[in-house]
Amino acid sequence: MLGSLGTSIYRMLMDGVNVADFDAAERATVKTTIGGAVETARALQYSAVRVWLEAARQSAADCEPIVAQLKEALATVAPSRLH
């Protein structure tokens, strides 16, 4: 559940990232997961990669504390359900 929430937050944060130069499949891959963004970056060899890849990394990093706080909050409410 928390992993799905983290993925949803990543996708929300990536909505504002300009990937207009990519084809539809590349856009979807970049905005879906950080792994997809990294794999797409490896396949592409032009300067725009650095800009959106850094945005993807920052979006993924921003998700971690949010998910950790939610996990902590849930642990106080329903500790047996997190294991």
C-alpha atoms as a PDB file:
ATOM      1  CA  MET A   1       0.000   0.000   0.000  1.00  0.00           C
ATOM      2  CA  LEU A   2       2.718   2.489   0.949  1.00  0.00           C
ATOM      3  CA  GLY A   3       4.710   1.664  -2.177  1.00  0.00           C
ATOM      4  CA  SER A   4       1.669   2.431  -4.315  1.00  0.00           C
ATOM      5  CA  LEU A   5       1.235   5.697  -2.479  1.00  0.00           C
ATOM      6  CA  GLY A   6       4.885   6.566  -3.089  1.00  0.00           C
ATOM      7  CA  THR A   7       4.471   5.803  -6.788  1.00  0.00           C
ATOM      8  CA  SER A   8       1.364   7.998  -6.940  1.00  0.00           C
ATOM      9  CA  ILE A   9       3.221  10.874  -5.290  1.00  0.00           C
ATOM     10  CA  TYR A  10       6.142  10.456  -7.726  1.00  0.00           C
ATOM     11  CA  ARG A  11       3.736  10.593 -10.671  1.00  0.00           C
ATOM     12  CA  MET A  12       2.023  13.679  -9.271  1.00  0.00           C
ATOM     13  CA  LEU A  13       5.364  15.449  -8.820  1.00  0.00           C
ATOM     14  CA  MET A  14       6.455  14.495 -12.338  1.00  0.00           C
ATOM     15  CA  ASP A  15       3.320  15.998 -13.902  1.00  0.00           C
ATOM     16  CA  GLY A  16       5.030  19.401 -14.024  1.00  0.00           C
ATOM     17  CA  VAL A  17       8.198  18.136 -15.725  1.00  0.00           C
ATOM     18  CA  ASN A  18       8.544  19.085 -19.387  1.00  0.00           C
ATOM     19  CA  VAL A  19       9.120  15.973 -21.458  1.00  0.00           C
ATOM     20  CA  ALA A  20       7.443  17.314 -24.590  1.00  0.00           C
ATOM     21  CA  ASP A  21      10.410  16.371 -26.796  1.00  0.00           C
ATOM     22  CA  PHE A  22       9.854  12.666 -26.139  1.00  0.00           C
ATOM     23  CA  ASP A  23       7.531  10.324 -27.940  1.00  0.00           C
ATOM     24  CA  ALA A  24       4.426   9.098 -26.094  1.00  0.00           C
ATOM     25  CA  ALA A  25       6.028   5.865 -24.883  1.00  0.00           C
ATOM     26  CA  GLU A  26       9.098   7.690 -23.525  1.00  0.00           C
ATOM     27  CA  ARG A  27       6.907  10.285 -21.762  1.00  0.00           C
ATOM     28  CA  ALA A  28       4.871   7.561 -20.101  1.00  0.00           C
ATOM     29  CA  THR A  29       7.970   5.644 -19.021  1.00  0.00           C
ATOM     30  CA  VAL A  30       9.702   8.711 -17.571  1.00  0.00           C
ATOM     31  CA  LYS A  31       6.655   9.867 -15.637  1.00  0.00           C
ATOM     32  CA  THR A  32       5.600   6.434 -14.351  1.00  0.00           C
ATOM     33  CA  THR A  33       8.600   5.365 -12.221  1.00  0.00           C
ATOM     34  CA  ILE A  34      12.106   6.528 -11.338  1.00  0.00           C
ATOM     35  CA  GLY A  35      13.401   3.254 -12.787  1.00  0.00           C
ATOM     36  CA  GLY A  36      11.714   4.070 -16.073  1.00  0.00           C
ATOM     37  CA  ALA A  37      13.252   7.536 -16.040  1.00  0.00           C
ATOM     38  CA  VAL A  38      16.739   6.137 -15.460  1.00  0.00           C
ATOM     39  CA  GLU A  39      16.360   3.508 -18.191  1.00  0.00           C
ATOM     40  CA  THR A  40      15.101   6.132 -20.649  1.00  0.00           C
ATOM     41  CA  ALA A  41      18.026   8.407 -19.756  1.00  0.00           C
ATOM     42  CA  ARG A  42      20.474   5.585 -20.495  1.00  0.00           C
ATOM     43  CA  ALA A  43      18.930   5.109 -23.931  1.00  0.00           C
ATOM     44  CA  LEU A  44      18.980   8.813 -24.827  1.00  0.00           C
ATOM     45  CA  GLN A  45      22.121  10.819 -25.486  1.00  0.00           C
ATOM     46  CA  TYR A  46      21.228  14.507 -25.498  1.00  0.00           C
ATOM     47  CA  SER A  47      21.476  17.414 -23.068  1.00  0.00           C
ATOM     48  CA  ALA A  48      17.796  17.588 -22.079  1.00  0.00           C
ATOM     49  CA  VAL A  49      18.224  14.280 -20.257  1.00  0.00           C
ATOM     50  CA  ARG A  50      20.054  15.902 -17.319  1.00  0.00           C
ATOM     51  CA  VAL A  51      17.218  18.346 -16.619  1.00  0.00           C
ATOM     52  CA  TRP A  52      14.324  15.901 -16.418  1.00  0.00           C
ATOM     53  CA  LEU A  53      16.378  13.108 -14.888  1.00  0.00           C
ATOM     54  CA  GLU A  54      17.310  15.407 -12.006  1.00  0.00           C
ATOM     55  CA  ALA A  55      13.614  16.321 -11.655  1.00  0.00           C
ATOM     56  CA  ALA A  56      12.756  12.608 -11.570  1.00  0.00           C
ATOM     57  CA  ARG A  57      15.390  11.914  -8.929  1.00  0.00           C
ATOM     58  CA  GLN A  58      14.195  14.841  -6.819  1.00  0.00           C
ATOM     59  CA  SER A  59      10.577  13.708  -7.143  1.00  0.00           C
ATOM     60  CA  ALA A  60      11.534  10.221  -5.978  1.00  0.00           C
ATOM     61  CA  ALA A  61      13.541  11.669  -3.086  1.00  0.00           C
ATOM     62  CA  ASP A  62      10.611  13.903  -2.101  1.00  0.00           C
ATOM     63  CA  CYS A  63       8.366  10.830  -1.851  1.00  0.00           C
ATOM     64  CA  GLU A  64      10.505   9.052   0.726  1.00  0.00           C
ATOM     65  CA  PRO A  65       9.891  11.331   3.733  1.00  0.00           C
ATOM     66  CA  ILE A  66       6.186  11.575   2.941  1.00  0.00           C
ATOM     67  CA  VAL A  67       5.812   7.790   2.857  1.00  0.00           C
ATOM     68  CA  ALA A  68       7.947   7.433   6.012  1.00  0.00           C
ATOM     69  CA  GLN A  69       5.735   9.907   7.880  1.00  0.00           C
ATOM     70  CA  LEU A  70       2.614   8.100   6.745  1.00  0.00           C
ATOM     71  CA  LYS A  71       4.074   4.768   7.809  1.00  0.00           C
ATOM     72  CA  GLU A  72       4.888   6.193  11.234  1.00  0.00           C
ATOM     73  CA  ALA A  73       1.391   7.639  11.584  1.00  0.00           C
ATOM     74  CA  LEU A  74      -0.212   4.362  10.545  1.00  0.00           C
ATOM     75  CA  ALA A  75       1.997   2.421  12.963  1.00  0.00           C
ATOM     76  CA  THR A  76       0.495   4.364  15.870  1.00  0.00           C
ATOM     77  CA  VAL A  77      -3.050   3.741  14.670  1.00  0.00           C
ATOM     78  CA  ALA A  78      -2.871   0.140  13.463  1.00  0.00           C
ATOM     79  CA  PRO A  79       0.577  -1.331  14.200  1.00  0.00           C
ATOM     80  CA  SER A  80      -0.367  -4.939  13.465  1.00  0.00           C
ATOM     81  CA  ARG A  81      -1.494  -4.113   9.917  1.00  0.00           C
ATOM     82  CA  LEU A  82       1.918  -2.893   8.715  1.00  0.00           C
ATOM     83  CA  HIS A  83       3.729  -6.218   9.030  1.00  0.00           C
END
